[in-house]
Protein backbone atom coordinates (compact mmCIF):
# COMPACT_ATOMS: atom_id res chain seq x y z
CA MET A 1 5.82 0.27 79.01
CA PRO A 2 9.00 2.35 79.32
CA GLU A 3 11.83 0.81 81.18
CA HIS A 4 12.99 2.57 84.36
CA GLU A 5 16.65 3.04 84.82
CA ALA A 6 17.83 0.63 87.41
CA GLY A 7 19.49 2.23 90.40
CA GLY A 8 18.97 5.65 88.94
CA THR A 9 18.32 8.57 91.20
CA PRO A 10 14.80 10.13 91.21
CA THR A 11 16.05 13.12 89.43
CA VAL A 12 17.44 11.01 86.69
CA GLU A 13 14.16 9.24 86.22
CA VAL A 14 12.39 12.58 86.31
CA ARG A 15 14.75 13.75 83.57
CA ASP A 16 14.04 10.73 81.47
CA PHE A 17 10.31 11.05 82.04
CA LEU A 18 10.38 14.64 80.84
CA ARG A 19 12.23 13.90 77.70
CA ARG A 20 10.16 10.75 77.00
CA ARG A 21 6.81 12.56 77.54
CA ARG A 22 7.80 15.97 76.27
CA GLU A 23 5.06 16.05 73.55
CA GLN A 24 2.29 14.75 75.89
CA ILE A 25 3.13 17.29 78.57
CA ALA A 26 3.13 20.14 76.19
CA GLN A 27 -0.15 19.10 74.64
CA ARG A 28 -1.80 18.92 78.05
CA TRP A 29 -0.36 22.29 79.09
CA ALA A 30 -1.63 23.92 76.02
CA ASP A 31 -5.10 23.54 77.45
CA GLU A 32 -4.20 25.11 80.75
CA PRO A 33 -5.31 28.80 81.25
CA LEU A 34 -1.72 30.00 81.54
CA PHE A 35 -0.67 28.81 78.06
CA ARG A 36 -4.09 29.05 76.41
CA THR A 37 -4.66 32.68 77.37
CA VAL A 38 -1.12 33.84 76.57
CA PHE A 39 -0.51 32.08 73.32
CA THR A 40 -3.66 32.98 71.45
CA VAL A 41 -2.50 32.82 67.86
CA SER A 42 -2.80 29.14 67.62
CA ARG A 43 -2.73 26.05 69.93
CA ASP A 44 0.45 24.96 68.16
CA GLU A 45 2.14 28.11 69.45
CA ALA A 46 1.20 27.08 73.04
CA VAL A 47 2.35 23.49 72.50
CA GLU A 48 5.82 24.76 71.30
CA ALA A 49 6.08 27.05 74.18
CA GLY A 50 5.21 24.24 76.53
CA LYS A 51 8.01 22.14 74.96
CA VAL A 52 10.55 24.85 75.76
CA VAL A 53 9.54 24.82 79.38
CA VAL A 54 9.79 20.97 79.57
CA ASP A 55 13.21 20.94 77.91
CA ALA A 56 14.45 23.49 80.57
CA LEU A 57 13.05 21.37 83.40
CA ALA A 58 14.80 18.27 81.98
CA GLU A 59 18.07 20.12 81.88
CA VAL A 60 17.62 21.24 85.49
CA ALA A 61 16.78 17.57 86.54
CA ASP A 62 19.73 16.35 84.58
CA ALA A 63 22.05 18.71 86.67
CA GLY A 64 20.33 17.37 89.84
CA ARG A 65 19.47 20.90 91.02
CA VAL A 66 15.75 20.65 91.27
CA GLU A 67 15.67 23.02 94.30
CA ASP A 68 17.99 25.67 92.87
CA PRO A 69 16.23 28.60 91.02
CA ASP A 70 19.65 29.58 89.82
CA SER A 71 20.29 26.42 87.91
CA ALA A 72 21.56 27.00 84.45
CA GLY A 73 18.61 25.26 82.97
CA PHE A 74 16.33 28.16 84.12
CA SER A 75 18.55 30.82 82.48
CA GLY A 76 16.98 30.63 79.05
CA LEU A 77 13.51 30.23 80.37
CA ARG A 78 13.32 33.44 82.52
CA GLU A 79 12.54 35.75 79.53
CA GLN A 80 9.63 33.57 78.42
CA LEU A 81 8.36 33.26 81.98
CA SER A 82 8.60 37.05 82.39
CA ARG A 83 6.63 37.61 79.13
CA MET A 84 3.92 35.14 80.17
CA GLY A 85 3.58 36.64 83.70
CA ALA A 86 3.47 40.18 82.28
CA ALA A 87 0.74 39.18 79.80
CA ARG A 88 -1.38 37.69 82.62
CA SER A 89 -0.75 40.74 84.80
CA ARG A 90 -1.89 43.07 81.94
CA ALA A 91 -5.06 40.86 81.76
CA GLY A 92 -5.75 41.88 85.29
CA LEU A 93 -4.48 38.91 87.23
CA SER A 94 -2.77 39.38 90.55
CA THR A 95 0.55 37.79 91.38
CA THR A 96 -1.30 35.23 93.47
CA GLN A 97 -3.62 34.32 90.55
CA VAL A 98 -0.60 33.86 88.19
CA SER A 99 0.93 31.68 90.80
CA SER A 100 -2.14 29.54 90.92
CA GLU A 101 -2.10 29.16 87.16
CA LEU A 102 1.44 27.99 87.42
CA ALA A 103 0.53 25.48 90.08
CA ALA A 104 -2.19 24.14 87.73
CA LEU A 105 0.55 22.78 85.45
CA TRP A 106 1.53 20.21 88.14
CA PRO A 107 -1.53 17.75 88.10
CA PRO A 108 -1.20 16.97 84.27
CA MET A 109 2.41 16.05 84.81
CA GLU A 110 1.74 14.07 87.94
CA ASN A 111 -0.94 12.11 86.19
CA LEU A 112 1.37 11.25 83.33
CA LEU A 113 4.23 10.36 85.74
CA VAL A 114 2.08 7.95 87.73
CA ALA A 115 0.76 6.33 84.60
CA ASP A 116 4.25 6.09 83.16
CA MET A 117 5.47 4.35 86.33
CA ASP A 118 2.56 1.98 86.99
CA GLU A 119 4.87 -1.06 87.18
CA ALA A 120 7.52 0.56 89.39
CA PRO A 121 7.45 0.04 93.12
CA PRO A 122 5.11 2.57 94.89
CA GLU A 123 7.95 3.98 97.01
CA ARG A 124 9.89 4.68 93.84
CA THR A 125 6.92 6.42 92.27
CA ARG A 126 6.49 8.47 95.29
CA GLU A 127 10.23 9.56 95.26
CA CYS A 128 10.02 10.52 91.59
CA ALA A 129 6.79 12.35 92.17
CA SER A 130 8.32 14.19 95.05
CA ALA A 131 11.37 15.15 92.99
CA LEU A 132 9.08 16.37 90.13
CA GLY A 133 7.02 18.34 92.53
CA VAL A 134 10.01 20.07 94.04
CA LEU A 135 11.12 20.85 90.42
CA MET A 136 7.80 22.49 89.59
CA GLY A 137 7.91 24.41 92.84
CA THR A 138 11.29 25.87 91.85
CA LEU A 139 9.72 26.72 88.41
CA ARG A 140 6.99 28.70 90.15
CA LEU A 141 9.65 30.50 92.23
CA VAL A 142 11.59 31.34 89.04
CA ALA A 143 8.43 32.53 87.34
CA MET A 144 7.51 34.82 90.34
CA GLN A 145 11.08 36.23 90.41
CA ALA A 146 10.83 36.98 86.69
CA ALA A 147 7.38 38.55 87.00
CA LEU A 148 8.49 40.73 89.89
CA SER A 149 11.62 41.83 88.00
CA GLU A 150 9.45 42.67 84.97
CA GLY A 151 7.02 44.51 87.27
CA GLN A 152 9.69 46.52 88.83
CA ALA A 153 11.23 47.40 85.36
CA LEU A 154 7.92 48.57 84.33
CA ILE A 155 7.57 50.74 87.42
CA ASP A 156 10.99 52.18 86.75
CA ARG A 157 10.05 52.97 83.08
CA GLN A 158 6.77 54.54 84.19
CA ARG A 159 8.52 56.63 86.81
CA LEU A 160 11.00 57.88 84.30
CA GLN A 161 8.09 58.83 81.99
CA LEU A 162 6.32 60.65 84.76
CA LEU A 163 9.50 62.58 85.59
CA GLU A 164 9.88 63.58 81.97
CA VAL A 165 6.12 64.63 81.78
CA ALA A 166 6.59 66.51 85.05
CA THR A 167 9.57 68.45 83.54
CA PRO A 168 8.12 70.27 80.51
CA VAL A 169 10.24 72.70 78.54
CA ILE A 170 8.38 75.81 77.40
CA LYS A 171 9.41 78.02 74.53
CA LEU A 172 8.76 81.53 75.78
CA TRP A 173 10.35 83.45 72.91
CA ASP A 174 12.65 82.94 70.05
CA GLY A 175 15.86 81.91 71.62
CA ILE A 176 14.38 81.61 75.19
CA VAL A 177 13.24 78.34 76.82
CA ALA A 178 12.05 77.68 80.40
CA VAL A 179 11.64 74.68 82.64
CA PRO A 180 9.03 75.46 85.39
CA LEU A 181 9.68 73.00 88.24
CA ILE A 182 6.99 72.07 90.71
CA GLY A 183 7.27 69.60 93.67
CA THR A 184 10.15 67.84 95.30
CA LEU A 185 13.39 67.61 93.51
CA ASP A 186 15.64 64.62 94.05
CA SER A 187 18.79 63.44 92.25
CA ALA A 188 16.93 61.46 89.66
CA ARG A 189 14.59 64.32 88.83
CA SER A 190 17.50 66.82 88.68
CA GLN A 191 19.22 64.54 86.17
CA VAL A 192 16.09 64.57 84.03
CA VAL A 193 15.93 68.30 84.27
CA MET A 194 19.54 68.65 83.10
CA GLU A 195 18.95 66.33 80.14
CA THR A 196 15.62 67.84 79.20
CA LEU A 197 16.97 71.42 79.27
CA LEU A 198 20.09 70.72 77.38
CA ASN A 199 18.13 68.82 74.64
CA ALA A 200 15.82 71.84 74.42
CA VAL A 201 18.73 74.23 74.09
CA VAL A 202 19.99 72.25 71.16
CA ASP A 203 16.52 71.75 69.51
CA GLN A 204 15.43 75.28 69.87
CA GLN A 205 18.83 76.87 69.40
CA ALA A 206 18.19 78.81 72.52
CA ARG A 207 20.50 81.59 73.77
CA PHE A 208 18.74 81.63 77.14
CA ALA A 209 17.36 78.98 79.47
CA ILE A 210 15.31 79.76 82.51
CA LEU A 211 15.17 77.34 85.43
CA ASP A 212 12.16 78.44 87.45
CA ILE A 213 12.03 76.81 90.89
CA THR A 214 9.21 78.84 92.37
CA GLY A 215 7.14 75.62 92.94
CA VAL A 216 10.00 73.75 94.62
CA PRO A 217 9.64 73.85 98.43
CA THR A 218 13.35 72.95 99.30
CA VAL A 219 16.42 71.33 97.98
CA ASP A 220 19.24 69.42 99.52
CA SER A 221 22.95 69.80 98.90
CA LEU A 222 23.08 67.21 96.14
CA VAL A 223 20.09 68.74 94.27
CA ALA A 224 21.72 72.22 94.59
CA GLN A 225 24.83 70.86 93.10
CA HIS A 226 22.84 69.22 90.27
CA LEU A 227 21.29 72.68 89.58
CA MET A 228 24.70 74.27 89.44
CA LYS A 229 25.94 71.61 87.09
CA THR A 230 22.87 72.22 84.90
CA VAL A 231 23.75 75.92 84.73
CA ALA A 232 27.33 75.13 83.83
CA ALA A 233 26.36 72.56 81.20
CA ALA A 234 23.84 75.05 79.57
CA ARG A 235 26.76 77.60 79.42
CA LEU A 236 28.98 75.03 77.72
CA MET A 237 26.14 74.55 75.12
CA GLY A 238 26.26 78.24 74.39
CA ALA A 239 23.17 79.26 76.40
CA GLU A 240 23.04 81.53 79.51
CA CYS A 241 20.92 79.82 82.20
CA VAL A 242 18.92 82.09 84.57
CA VAL A 243 17.50 80.65 87.87
CA SER A 244 14.33 82.30 89.04
CA GLY A 245 12.02 81.84 91.89
CA ILE A 246 14.48 81.02 94.66
CA ARG A 247 12.38 80.69 97.85
CA PRO A 248 13.83 81.92 101.20
CA ALA A 249 14.28 78.48 102.56
CA ILE A 250 16.20 77.45 99.42
CA ALA A 251 18.26 80.61 99.61
CA GLN A 252 19.13 79.84 103.28
CA THR A 253 20.13 76.28 102.27
CA ILE A 254 22.42 77.53 99.48
CA VAL A 255 24.06 80.00 101.82
CA HIS A 256 24.47 77.43 104.54
CA LEU A 257 26.10 75.00 102.09
CA GLY A 258 28.47 77.69 101.02
CA LEU A 259 27.55 77.28 97.37
CA ASP A 260 28.90 80.12 95.15
CA LEU A 261 26.23 81.52 92.88
CA GLY A 262 28.30 84.51 91.85
CA THR A 263 28.44 83.32 88.20
CA VAL A 264 24.77 82.40 88.03
CA LYS A 265 22.08 84.83 86.88
CA THR A 266 19.17 84.82 89.41
CA ARG A 267 15.90 86.73 89.33
CA ALA A 268 13.05 86.87 91.76
CA SER A 269 10.29 85.51 89.41
CA LEU A 270 9.83 83.93 86.07
CA ALA A 271 8.56 87.31 84.79
CA ASP A 272 11.74 89.02 85.83
CA ALA A 273 13.85 86.31 84.26
CA LEU A 274 12.00 86.61 81.01
CA GLY A 275 12.39 90.39 81.12
CA HIS A 276 16.17 89.98 81.61
CA CYS A 277 16.44 87.57 78.64
CA LEU A 278 14.32 89.80 76.39
CA HIS A 279 16.48 92.78 77.28
CA GLU A 280 19.68 90.79 76.51
CA LEU A 281 18.17 89.92 73.17
CA GLY A 282 17.61 93.66 72.54
CA THR A 283 13.88 93.38 72.57
CA ASN A 284 11.89 96.38 73.81
CA ILE A 285 9.21 95.63 76.32
CA VAL A 286 6.10 97.99 76.45
CA ASN A 287 3.57 98.25 79.22
CA ALA A 288 0.07 99.30 78.28
CA ALA A 289 -0.92 102.40 80.34
CA PRO A 290 -4.42 104.08 80.67
CA ASP A 291 -3.20 107.11 78.73
CA GLY A 292 -1.34 105.13 76.01
CA ALA A 293 1.45 102.82 75.70
CA GLY A 294 4.55 103.57 77.66
CA ARG A 295 8.05 102.23 76.84
CA ARG A 296 9.54 100.33 79.66
């Protein structure tokens, strides 16, 4: 029977218990759904992952900060907890269900602790069990914070991907690319537009870039400034940027804001902008007529 440290605080005894029963705790955790379903290569992998968690808990208990989710002992554990939470989320579990799986790690530890302290005074056992329970509650909080952070990071990545998909660059002609914009423009999307357009200018060696905003209902001052910067940046890359499809409401906004578009080529529609670019490239445009082709 292990000797309990005389006069030691409950957190000290919890620390000693965790270090002494590290292997047994990890073995029991390996059979719990959270570890069993995440670490599927082998049971040994789940056991090793459990040992990492136990070591972190012992470090937190050693510092006496069982209620502090910012304790240094949890620092190295957040990434693993984040991966575990993300894996369970991908399997279709809600945050509440993941929290329940984390809560299921407590009973095996409590049973080991009670057995380990069977000769200790009942009051002492209750104090140590309470300290260990608080520590496990803090672990759940840290795990939920990590899962939420990972979820937010995933949302941010998906949002950026959607912005990129919603900002296609079309090659209209040799040396001419266009970005047809549809929907609301905000600062984040305007930045994506600029990056996408400039990359296309380089990749396609374009001499002309058309920003068609026919499908944009309105813009604010910040977005209008972003569009102006995009035009200026394209010019620095050696391409002339033409803005087409400016709606009446947007035109009024630009005038109201006092923005100078004197150096920016504008056209009423995408077709007009394309015609302008083709003309500048020296390309002849011919319209088909009932009585034969007529040069335009």
